[in-house]
Amino acid sequence: MRRNETGVTMQTRVASTMRLFLLRLAFSATIVLLCALTSRAGGPARVAGSAYFDSTAEGRPLTWPQGEITYYVDQGNLSPVLPNSEANALVASAFSQWTSVPTAALSITAGGSLAEDVSGANVNRNSDGTISMPPDVQPTATGTPVGIVYDADGAVTSALLGAGAADRAQCFYNAVFGGNDSYGSFATYEHALVVINGQCAQQFSQISEIQYRLVRTIGNVLGVGWSQLNVNVQTGSPPPTEEDYAGFPVMHFLDLWNCVPITLCYPHPSQLSMDDIAAVSRLYPVTAQNQAAFPGKQIFSAGTARIHGSVWFTDTHGVRTQPMQGVNVVARWIDPSTGQPSRRYAASSVSGFLFTGNQGNPITGIEDAMGEPLSQWGSDEPELEGRFDLSGLQLPNGGSTQYQLSVEALDPQWSYGVGPYSPESVSPSGSFLPIAITVSPGSNVQQDLVMSGTAQ
């Protein structure tokens, strides 16, 4: 069973899916953010809910089956400085940022070219608002599961996102966009489309920008959600250090508008942090069962540590009452040489990331702005409501060590696309003093976080 329903015409099905696709991309009338409003960030990008998906898949993060992905590239050139062969190399390099993670069981293969040069000659917006496009880049094209479009003159970008979207003045937002547009009923991704706007790659100096935005878009295609860590890199308070930058995730939600070129803000913008590495490895872990298929890679659970549990409200007597959702739980390695929590070796997880953020009600409605049931994303199982999972904690000194556990609010300005309540956010109720947890390679520590002085 596929998300694309039967019993409708191809054009209607594609038009419906593309409108949904564009609504997810268009966060406002003028700014297109690379974020799906259905994203279950602060963990995996999407989690199967009780609607549409098979009941056995509820609460399961969506992934590509067995971590195997084949992508197909456009036949045309991307720009004068990125002809087809160079554009192909750029795409392969962006994918390799994720496949090179030593604990991630990912097999991503270049399958060759699409059947055509995807351009304004074959992608256009019809008078009734529907989108016409080649069959092998439509959501139903599971034979070409990931399509990469080189939009040389910006015509495809304008057709999909609207007039003016391809302008060079919009490159900060629209240089690379796309995402998954077809899902299987057993919590799998079946198709994705990525568009690279060639108008944003006219000079060699712009290639690093394209690379950075492509790595982020591919992260979302893989199912990695947005996260919050070392937000002072964006706020400037306190001024970020080299360690802050090293721990700052590629998969943060927003960039400063004046980060042009992107290296003005991040010295190594496409370099994955520990948080990114842990996030993709949770989705596609190398295990004892699949390690043989990934020579040279390490078993995820054996070489790292895991701390997991739930965040809880308490009553006036300090007794836990119900789980607390939407709190950012942060683990930081405690450097034994200084006794201080690290800014480089750190990971985060939003409590309740597998739980539905809002299923609606008869008063407010049970569908989202795109007409989809709110119950489609996130489980309604009560035991998942405050759950966090910090697996993939690296051990810099190789043996037994300590991690500090703390909680924080999601920043409403920089992280409003993070967590199950996105685009809304909540503030933690009560307080929690950081604690230290001792871990070693292969540790699996269950640790609940009980907030004090909470309001209910």
Protein backbone atom coordinates (compact mmCIF):
# COMPACT_ATOMS: atom_id res chain seq x y z
CA MET A 1 0.00 0.00 0.00
CA ARG A 2 1.28 3.44 -0.87
CA ARG A 3 0.26 6.84 0.32
CA ASN A 4 -0.84 7.77 -3.21
CA GLU A 5 -4.43 6.65 -3.26
CA THR A 6 -5.90 4.57 -6.06
CA GLY A 7 -9.03 5.51 -7.99
CA VAL A 8 -7.91 8.95 -9.11
CA THR A 9 -6.25 10.13 -12.26
CA MET A 10 -2.48 10.50 -12.45
CA GLN A 11 -2.77 14.26 -12.90
CA THR A 12 -5.07 14.69 -9.93
CA ARG A 13 -2.91 12.47 -7.75
CA VAL A 14 0.26 14.33 -8.68
CA ALA A 15 -1.39 17.72 -8.33
CA SER A 16 -2.66 16.85 -4.87
CA THR A 17 0.72 15.56 -3.75
CA MET A 18 2.59 18.52 -5.21
CA ARG A 19 0.25 21.02 -3.55
CA LEU A 20 0.88 19.24 -0.26
CA PHE A 21 4.60 19.21 -1.01
CA LEU A 22 4.63 22.94 -1.69
CA LEU A 23 2.52 23.81 1.32
CA ARG A 24 5.02 22.00 3.47
CA LEU A 25 7.84 23.98 1.91
CA ALA A 26 6.12 27.36 1.95
CA PHE A 27 6.24 28.54 5.53
CA SER A 28 5.15 32.05 4.59
CA ALA A 29 4.21 33.94 1.46
CA THR A 30 7.77 35.05 0.82
CA ILE A 31 10.06 32.73 2.77
CA VAL A 32 10.41 29.06 1.93
CA LEU A 33 11.93 27.09 4.76
CA LEU A 34 13.37 23.63 4.28
CA CYS A 35 11.07 22.11 6.83
CA ALA A 36 8.02 19.90 6.56
CA LEU A 37 5.25 20.98 8.89
CA THR A 38 4.57 17.33 9.59
CA SER A 39 8.14 16.83 10.77
CA ARG A 40 8.63 15.11 14.11
CA ALA A 41 11.93 16.82 14.77
CA GLY A 42 14.08 16.66 17.87
CA GLY A 43 14.49 13.05 16.77
CA PRO A 44 13.39 11.47 13.49
CA ALA A 45 11.77 13.73 10.90
CA ARG A 46 8.56 11.71 10.82
CA VAL A 47 6.95 9.10 13.05
CA ALA A 48 4.05 6.89 11.96
CA GLY A 49 0.73 7.64 13.63
CA SER A 50 -2.54 5.79 14.00
CA ALA A 51 -4.02 7.02 10.71
CA TYR A 52 -2.95 5.70 7.28
CA PHE A 53 -0.05 3.57 8.53
CA ASP A 54 -0.39 -0.09 9.47
CA SER A 55 -1.15 -0.53 13.17
CA THR A 56 2.10 -2.46 13.67
CA ALA A 57 4.08 0.59 12.48
CA GLU A 58 2.58 3.14 14.87
CA GLY A 59 5.30 4.98 16.78
CA ARG A 60 8.01 3.87 14.35
CA PRO A 61 10.26 6.48 12.70
CA LEU A 62 9.98 6.51 8.92
CA THR A 63 13.10 5.22 7.15
CA TRP A 64 14.20 3.89 3.79
CA PRO A 65 13.95 0.07 3.87
CA GLN A 66 17.26 -1.51 4.92
CA GLY A 67 18.90 1.88 4.52
CA GLU A 68 19.17 1.30 0.77
CA ILE A 69 18.62 4.28 -1.54
CA THR A 70 19.23 4.70 -5.23
CA TYR A 71 19.19 8.21 -6.63
CA TYR A 72 18.90 9.42 -10.21
CA VAL A 73 20.25 12.70 -11.52
CA ASP A 74 19.08 15.15 -14.15
CA GLN A 75 20.49 14.85 -17.67
CA GLY A 76 21.13 18.58 -17.95
CA ASN A 77 23.76 20.92 -16.56
CA LEU A 78 23.26 22.79 -13.31
CA SER A 79 25.12 25.97 -14.20
CA PRO A 80 28.16 27.24 -16.15
CA VAL A 81 30.44 26.34 -13.22
CA LEU A 82 28.67 23.04 -12.53
CA PRO A 83 28.13 21.11 -15.76
CA ASN A 84 26.46 17.75 -15.44
CA SER A 85 29.53 15.74 -14.43
CA GLU A 86 30.58 18.30 -11.82
CA ALA A 87 27.04 18.55 -10.47
CA ASN A 88 26.93 14.76 -10.18
CA ALA A 89 30.16 14.84 -8.17
CA LEU A 90 28.70 17.51 -5.89
CA VAL A 91 25.62 15.38 -5.23
CA ALA A 92 27.74 12.28 -4.56
CA SER A 93 29.86 14.26 -2.10
CA ALA A 94 26.78 15.49 -0.24
CA PHE A 95 25.42 11.97 0.11
CA SER A 96 28.83 10.78 1.31
CA GLN A 97 28.62 13.10 4.32
CA TRP A 98 25.94 10.75 5.61
CA THR A 99 27.14 7.40 4.26
CA SER A 100 30.58 7.94 5.81
CA VAL A 101 29.14 7.88 9.34
CA PRO A 102 30.89 4.80 10.79
CA THR A 103 27.86 3.60 12.78
CA ALA A 104 25.16 4.22 10.13
CA ALA A 105 23.97 1.33 7.95
CA LEU A 106 23.36 3.33 4.79
CA SER A 107 23.87 2.15 1.24
CA ILE A 108 23.31 5.00 -1.22
CA THR A 109 23.92 4.32 -4.90
CA ALA A 110 23.96 6.51 -7.99
CA GLY A 111 21.52 4.77 -10.32
CA GLY A 112 22.29 6.86 -13.40
CA SER A 113 20.29 9.56 -15.11
CA LEU A 114 16.64 10.40 -15.21
CA ALA A 115 14.95 9.91 -18.57
CA GLU A 116 15.17 13.60 -19.45
CA ASP A 117 16.59 17.01 -18.72
CA VAL A 118 14.00 18.22 -16.19
CA SER A 119 13.34 21.86 -17.03
CA GLY A 120 10.70 24.47 -17.71
CA ALA A 121 9.98 22.62 -20.95
CA ASN A 122 8.44 19.71 -19.05
CA VAL A 123 7.60 21.12 -15.60
CA ASN A 124 4.96 23.84 -15.45
CA ARG A 125 2.05 25.10 -13.44
CA ASN A 126 -1.25 24.73 -15.26
CA SER A 127 -4.04 27.31 -15.19
CA ASP A 128 -5.99 25.20 -12.68
CA GLY A 129 -3.04 25.15 -10.28
CA THR A 130 -1.97 21.59 -11.03
CA ILE A 131 1.65 20.79 -11.82
CA SER A 132 2.70 18.91 -14.93
CA MET A 133 6.02 17.10 -14.64
CA PRO A 134 7.82 14.06 -16.10
CA PRO A 135 6.62 10.67 -14.83
CA ASP A 136 9.99 9.68 -13.34
CA VAL A 137 10.05 12.56 -10.84
CA GLN A 138 6.45 12.25 -9.68
CA PRO A 139 5.64 10.87 -6.22
CA THR A 140 4.50 7.62 -7.84
CA ALA A 141 7.91 7.04 -9.47
CA THR A 142 9.20 4.46 -7.00
CA GLY A 143 11.41 3.03 -9.75
CA THR A 144 13.48 6.21 -9.46
CA PRO A 145 13.14 6.56 -5.68
CA VAL A 146 15.17 9.76 -5.30
CA GLY A 147 15.19 12.23 -8.18
CA ILE A 148 17.76 15.05 -8.26
CA VAL A 149 16.77 17.94 -10.54
CA TYR A 150 19.32 20.42 -11.91
CA ASP A 151 17.18 23.51 -12.46
CA ALA A 152 19.63 25.44 -14.64
CA ASP A 153 17.51 28.53 -15.31
CA GLY A 154 15.24 28.39 -12.26
CA ALA A 155 12.11 27.56 -14.27
CA VAL A 156 11.35 24.42 -12.24
CA THR A 157 11.79 26.31 -8.98
CA SER A 158 9.40 29.03 -10.18
CA ALA A 159 6.85 26.47 -11.33
CA LEU A 160 6.89 24.63 -8.01
CA LEU A 161 7.33 27.50 -5.55
CA GLY A 162 5.83 30.42 -7.45
CA ALA A 163 6.96 33.34 -9.56
CA GLY A 164 10.12 34.97 -8.25
CA ALA A 165 11.16 32.00 -6.10
CA ALA A 166 14.10 31.26 -8.39
CA ASP A 167 15.51 34.78 -8.24
CA ARG A 168 19.08 35.01 -7.05
CA ALA A 169 17.87 37.21 -4.20
CA GLN A 170 16.02 34.14 -2.88
CA CYS A 171 19.00 31.79 -2.91
CA PHE A 172 19.32 31.90 0.88
CA TYR A 173 15.97 30.10 1.02
CA ASN A 174 15.55 28.33 -2.31
CA ALA A 175 19.01 27.20 -3.42
CA VAL A 176 18.09 23.59 -2.65
CA PHE A 177 14.66 22.32 -1.66
CA GLY A 178 12.58 19.17 -1.68
CA GLY A 179 11.89 16.13 0.44
CA ASN A 180 9.96 12.91 0.72
CA ASP A 181 6.61 12.84 -1.05
CA SER A 182 5.48 9.19 -0.90
CA TYR A 183 5.28 6.85 2.08
CA GLY A 184 4.63 3.15 2.56
CA SER A 185 2.09 1.93 5.11
CA PHE A 186 4.82 0.18 7.11
CA ALA A 187 6.59 3.45 7.96
CA THR A 188 8.88 3.58 4.94
CA TYR A 189 9.88 6.29 2.53
CA GLU A 190 9.19 5.41 -1.10
CA HIS A 191 10.05 8.51 -3.10
CA ALA A 192 11.73 11.87 -2.72
CA LEU A 193 12.44 14.81 -5.01
CA VAL A 194 15.31 17.28 -4.58
CA VAL A 195 15.63 20.41 -6.72
CA ILE A 196 18.87 22.41 -6.99
CA ASN A 197 18.36 25.93 -8.28
CA GLY A 198 21.10 26.65 -10.84
CA GLN A 199 20.58 30.39 -10.46
CA CYS A 200 22.23 29.99 -7.06
CA ALA A 201 25.32 28.29 -8.50
CA GLN A 202 26.59 30.80 -11.02
CA GLN A 203 29.97 31.33 -9.37
CA PHE A 204 32.56 29.00 -7.88
CA SER A 205 32.20 30.84 -4.57
CA GLN A 206 28.59 29.61 -4.33
CA ILE A 207 29.42 25.91 -4.51
CA SER A 208 29.99 25.59 -0.74
CA GLU A 209 26.55 27.15 -0.20
CA ILE A 210 24.90 24.60 -2.46
CA GLN A 211 26.84 21.78 -0.79
CA TYR A 212 25.71 22.87 2.67
CA ARG A 213 22.04 23.16 1.77
CA LEU A 214 22.15 19.91 -0.15
CA VAL A 215 23.61 18.04 2.85
CA ARG A 216 20.78 19.39 5.02
CA THR A 217 18.10 18.49 2.48
CA ILE A 218 19.52 14.98 2.10
CA GLY A 219 19.48 14.65 5.89
CA ASN A 220 15.73 15.31 5.82
CA VAL A 221 15.30 12.89 2.91
CA LEU A 222 16.99 10.22 5.05
CA GLY A 223 14.54 10.98 7.84
CA VAL A 224 16.76 13.01 10.18
CA GLY A 225 14.80 15.74 11.93
CA TRP A 226 15.81 19.20 13.06
CA SER A 227 17.47 19.54 16.46
CA GLN A 228 18.63 22.14 18.98
CA LEU A 229 22.10 22.16 20.48
CA ASN A 230 24.54 24.99 21.24
CA VAL A 231 21.97 27.58 20.21
CA ASN A 232 24.42 30.29 21.31
CA VAL A 233 26.05 29.79 17.90
CA GLN A 234 22.97 31.61 16.56
CA THR A 235 22.11 33.93 19.44
CA GLY A 236 25.69 34.95 20.19
CA SER A 237 25.05 34.71 23.92
CA PRO A 238 27.47 33.67 25.20
CA PRO A 239 29.85 34.22 22.27
CA PRO A 240 30.43 30.84 20.61
CA THR A 241 33.80 29.13 20.83
CA GLU A 242 35.45 26.64 18.50
CA GLU A 243 33.96 23.87 20.65
CA ASP A 244 30.46 25.32 20.26
CA TYR A 245 30.81 25.28 16.48
CA ALA A 246 32.14 21.72 16.54
CA GLY A 247 29.07 20.53 18.45
CA PHE A 248 26.55 22.61 16.51
CA PRO A 249 24.40 20.27 14.39
CA VAL A 250 24.14 20.58 10.64
CA MET A 251 20.48 19.73 11.20
CA HIS A 252 19.67 22.87 13.20
CA PHE A 253 16.43 24.49 12.13
CA LEU A 254 17.24 28.05 10.99
CA ASP A 255 20.19 30.08 9.80
CA LEU A 256 20.86 33.74 10.45
CA TRP A 257 19.61 35.73 7.45
CA ASN A 258 22.98 37.42 6.99
CA CYS A 259 24.99 34.18 6.82
CA VAL A 260 26.07 34.82 3.22
CA PRO A 261 28.34 33.15 2.48
CA ILE A 262 27.46 30.49 5.02
CA THR A 263 31.10 30.29 6.14
CA LEU A 264 30.69 33.73 7.70
CA CYS A 265 28.67 31.98 10.41
CA TYR A 266 30.01 28.42 10.44
CA PRO A 267 33.65 27.59 9.68
CA HIS A 268 32.82 24.04 8.56
CA PRO A 269 29.12 24.22 7.61
CA SER A 270 28.71 20.72 6.12
CA GLN A 271 30.67 18.83 8.78
CA LEU A 272 28.39 16.56 10.82
CA SER A 273 28.43 16.98 14.59
CA MET A 274 28.10 14.24 17.17
CA ASP A 275 24.40 15.06 17.37
CA ASP A 276 23.96 14.53 13.60
CA ILE A 277 25.95 11.29 13.69
CA ALA A 278 23.88 9.93 16.57
CA ALA A 279 20.61 10.95 14.91
CA VAL A 280 21.24 9.18 11.61
CA SER A 281 22.69 6.13 13.38
CA ARG A 282 19.54 5.74 15.49
CA LEU A 283 17.54 5.49 12.27
CA TYR A 284 19.97 3.19 10.47
CA PRO A 285 22.09 1.43 13.10
CA VAL A 286 24.91 -0.92 12.20
CA THR A 287 24.08 -4.10 14.10
CA ALA A 288 25.62 -7.53 14.53
CA GLN A 289 23.08 -8.76 11.99
CA ASN A 290 23.87 -6.29 9.19
CA GLN A 291 27.52 -5.44 9.86
CA ALA A 292 28.78 -7.86 7.20
CA ALA A 293 27.03 -5.76 4.56
CA PHE A 294 28.92 -2.66 5.72
CA PRO A 295 32.63 -3.55 5.81
CA GLY A 296 34.70 -1.33 8.05
CA LYS A 297 31.72 0.02 9.97
CA GLN A 298 31.16 -0.34 13.71
CA ILE A 299 28.22 -1.77 15.62
CA PHE A 300 26.31 1.27 16.83
CA SER A 301 25.29 0.00 20.26
CA ALA A 302 28.66 -1.57 21.06
CA GLY A 303 30.94 1.42 20.57
CA THR A 304 28.68 4.11 22.01
CA ALA A 305 26.47 4.57 25.08
CA ARG A 306 22.76 5.12 25.47
CA ILE A 307 20.81 7.06 28.10
CA HIS A 308 17.04 6.99 27.79
CA GLY A 309 13.95 7.56 29.89
CA SER A 310 11.03 9.95 30.34
CA VAL A 311 10.56 13.48 31.63
CA TRP A 312 7.85 13.78 34.30
CA PHE A 313 5.58 16.34 35.90
CA THR A 314 5.27 16.07 39.69
CA ASP A 315 2.61 16.94 42.24
CA THR A 316 3.06 19.14 45.32
CA HIS A 317 4.66 16.18 47.12
CA GLY A 318 7.24 15.59 44.41
CA VAL A 319 5.53 12.44 43.16
CA ARG A 320 5.59 11.95 39.39
CA THR A 321 2.18 12.34 37.79
CA GLN A 322 2.28 12.43 34.00
CA PRO A 323 4.92 12.58 31.28
CA MET A 324 6.12 15.97 30.00
CA GLN A 325 6.41 16.41 26.23
CA GLY A 326 8.38 19.00 24.27
CA VAL A 327 11.41 19.44 26.55
CA ASN A 328 14.89 19.38 25.00
CA VAL A 329 17.02 16.85 26.88
CA VAL A 330 20.76 17.37 26.42
CA ALA A 331 23.64 15.02 27.20
CA ARG A 332 27.16 16.49 27.39
CA TRP A 333 30.37 14.56 27.96
CA ILE A 334 32.13 15.71 31.13
CA ASP A 335 35.75 16.33 30.25
CA PRO A 336 37.76 14.66 33.04
CA SER A 337 40.62 17.13 32.58
CA THR A 338 38.41 20.11 33.39
CA GLY A 339 35.34 18.62 35.07
CA GLN A 340 33.21 20.73 32.72
CA PRO A 341 30.47 19.59 30.30
CA SER A 342 31.67 19.56 26.70
CA ARG A 343 30.25 21.75 23.95
CA ARG A 344 31.67 19.45 21.25
CA TYR A 345 30.64 16.00 22.49
CA ALA A 346 26.93 16.48 23.02
CA ALA A 347 23.57 15.16 21.80
CA SER A 348 19.94 16.13 22.24
CA SER A 349 16.50 14.53 22.18
CA VAL A 350 13.11 16.20 22.61
CA SER A 351 10.88 14.43 25.11
CA GLY A 352 7.86 12.77 23.52
CA PHE A 353 9.45 12.81 20.06
CA LEU A 354 7.60 9.60 19.16
CA PHE A 355 4.29 10.84 20.58
CA THR A 356 1.68 12.84 18.71
CA GLY A 357 1.94 16.55 19.38
CA ASN A 358 -1.66 17.35 18.50
CA GLN A 359 -4.39 15.00 17.28
CA GLY A 360 -7.05 17.69 17.33
CA ASN A 361 -10.58 17.56 18.70
CA PRO A 362 -14.14 18.15 17.46
CA ILE A 363 -13.84 21.86 18.30
CA THR A 364 -10.47 22.71 16.72
CA GLY A 365 -10.69 20.03 14.04
CA ILE A 366 -8.87 16.78 13.41
CA GLU A 367 -7.06 17.75 10.22
CA ASP A 368 -4.04 19.95 9.60
CA ALA A 369 -3.79 22.89 7.20
CA MET A 370 -3.13 20.49 4.33
CA GLY A 371 -6.31 18.51 5.00
CA GLU A 372 -4.49 15.52 6.41
CA PRO A 373 -5.53 13.80 9.65
CA LEU A 374 -3.48 15.03 12.59
CA SER A 375 -3.40 11.45 13.87
CA GLN A 376 -1.28 10.44 10.89
CA TRP A 377 1.95 11.49 12.60
CA GLY A 378 3.14 10.37 16.02
CA SER A 379 1.90 7.58 18.26
CA ASP A 380 -0.92 7.98 20.75
CA GLU A 381 0.58 5.38 23.11
CA PRO A 382 0.73 7.09 26.57
CA GLU A 383 4.06 5.52 27.54
CA LEU A 384 5.77 7.46 24.73
CA GLU A 385 4.51 10.90 25.76
CA GLY A 386 7.61 11.99 27.71
CA ARG A 387 10.13 9.56 26.24
CA PHE A 388 13.62 10.68 25.18
CA ASP A 389 16.43 8.61 23.68
CA LEU A 390 20.07 9.67 23.76
CA SER A 391 21.70 6.71 22.09
CA GLY A 392 24.92 7.22 20.17
CA LEU A 393 26.87 8.97 22.93
CA GLN A 394 30.53 8.90 21.96
CA LEU A 395 33.26 8.05 24.45
CA PRO A 396 36.19 10.37 23.69
CA ASN A 397 38.50 8.70 26.20
CA GLY A 398 37.52 5.21 25.03
CA GLY A 399 36.41 3.78 28.37
CA SER A 400 34.15 4.56 31.28
CA THR A 401 33.18 8.21 31.43
CA GLN A 402 30.45 10.56 32.58
CA TYR A 403 27.75 12.49 30.75
CA GLN A 404 25.82 15.40 32.20
CA LEU A 405 22.04 15.31 31.64
CA SER A 406 20.13 18.58 31.59
CA VAL A 407 16.89 19.98 30.20
CA GLU A 408 16.15 23.20 28.37
CA ALA A 409 13.35 24.93 26.52
CA LEU A 410 13.28 24.92 22.73
CA ASP A 411 14.21 28.41 21.57
CA PRO A 412 11.02 29.98 20.10
CA GLN A 413 13.00 32.03 17.58
CA TRP A 414 15.62 29.58 16.33
CA SER A 415 14.05 26.19 17.00
CA TYR A 416 10.31 26.61 16.38
CA GLY A 417 10.48 23.79 13.82
CA VAL A 418 11.96 21.39 16.39
CA GLY A 419 9.89 18.95 18.42
CA PRO A 420 6.44 17.37 18.26
CA TYR A 421 4.66 20.69 18.88
CA SER A 422 6.31 22.48 15.94
CA PRO A 423 5.74 25.12 14.73
CA GLU A 424 4.69 25.90 18.29
CA SER A 425 6.89 25.37 21.34
CA VAL A 426 6.38 24.91 25.06
CA SER A 427 8.45 25.93 28.05
CA PRO A 428 9.47 23.29 30.57
CA SER A 429 7.35 23.42 33.69
CA GLY A 430 9.34 23.42 36.90
CA SER A 431 13.07 22.88 37.16
CA PHE A 432 15.64 20.13 36.97
CA LEU A 433 19.18 20.21 38.29
CA PRO A 434 21.70 18.61 35.92
CA ILE A 435 22.90 15.16 36.92
CA ALA A 436 25.94 13.09 35.94
CA ILE A 437 25.56 9.57 34.55
CA THR A 438 28.45 7.12 34.28
CA VAL A 439 28.56 5.18 31.01
CA SER A 440 30.94 2.91 29.13
CA PRO A 441 30.98 1.30 25.66
CA GLY A 442 27.72 -0.60 25.18
CA SER A 443 26.00 1.00 28.21
CA ASN A 444 22.21 1.15 28.10
CA VAL A 445 21.13 3.34 31.02
CA GLN A 446 17.50 4.04 31.89
CA GLN A 447 17.18 7.38 33.68
CA ASP A 448 13.93 9.26 34.19
CA LEU A 449 14.03 13.01 34.73
CA VAL A 450 11.58 14.16 37.40
CA MET A 451 10.93 17.89 37.29
CA SER A 452 10.36 19.75 40.55
CA GLY A 453 7.86 22.53 41.19
CA THR A 454 5.81 21.81 38.09
CA ALA A 455 2.43 23.37 37.29
CA GLN A 456 -0.42 21.19 36.04
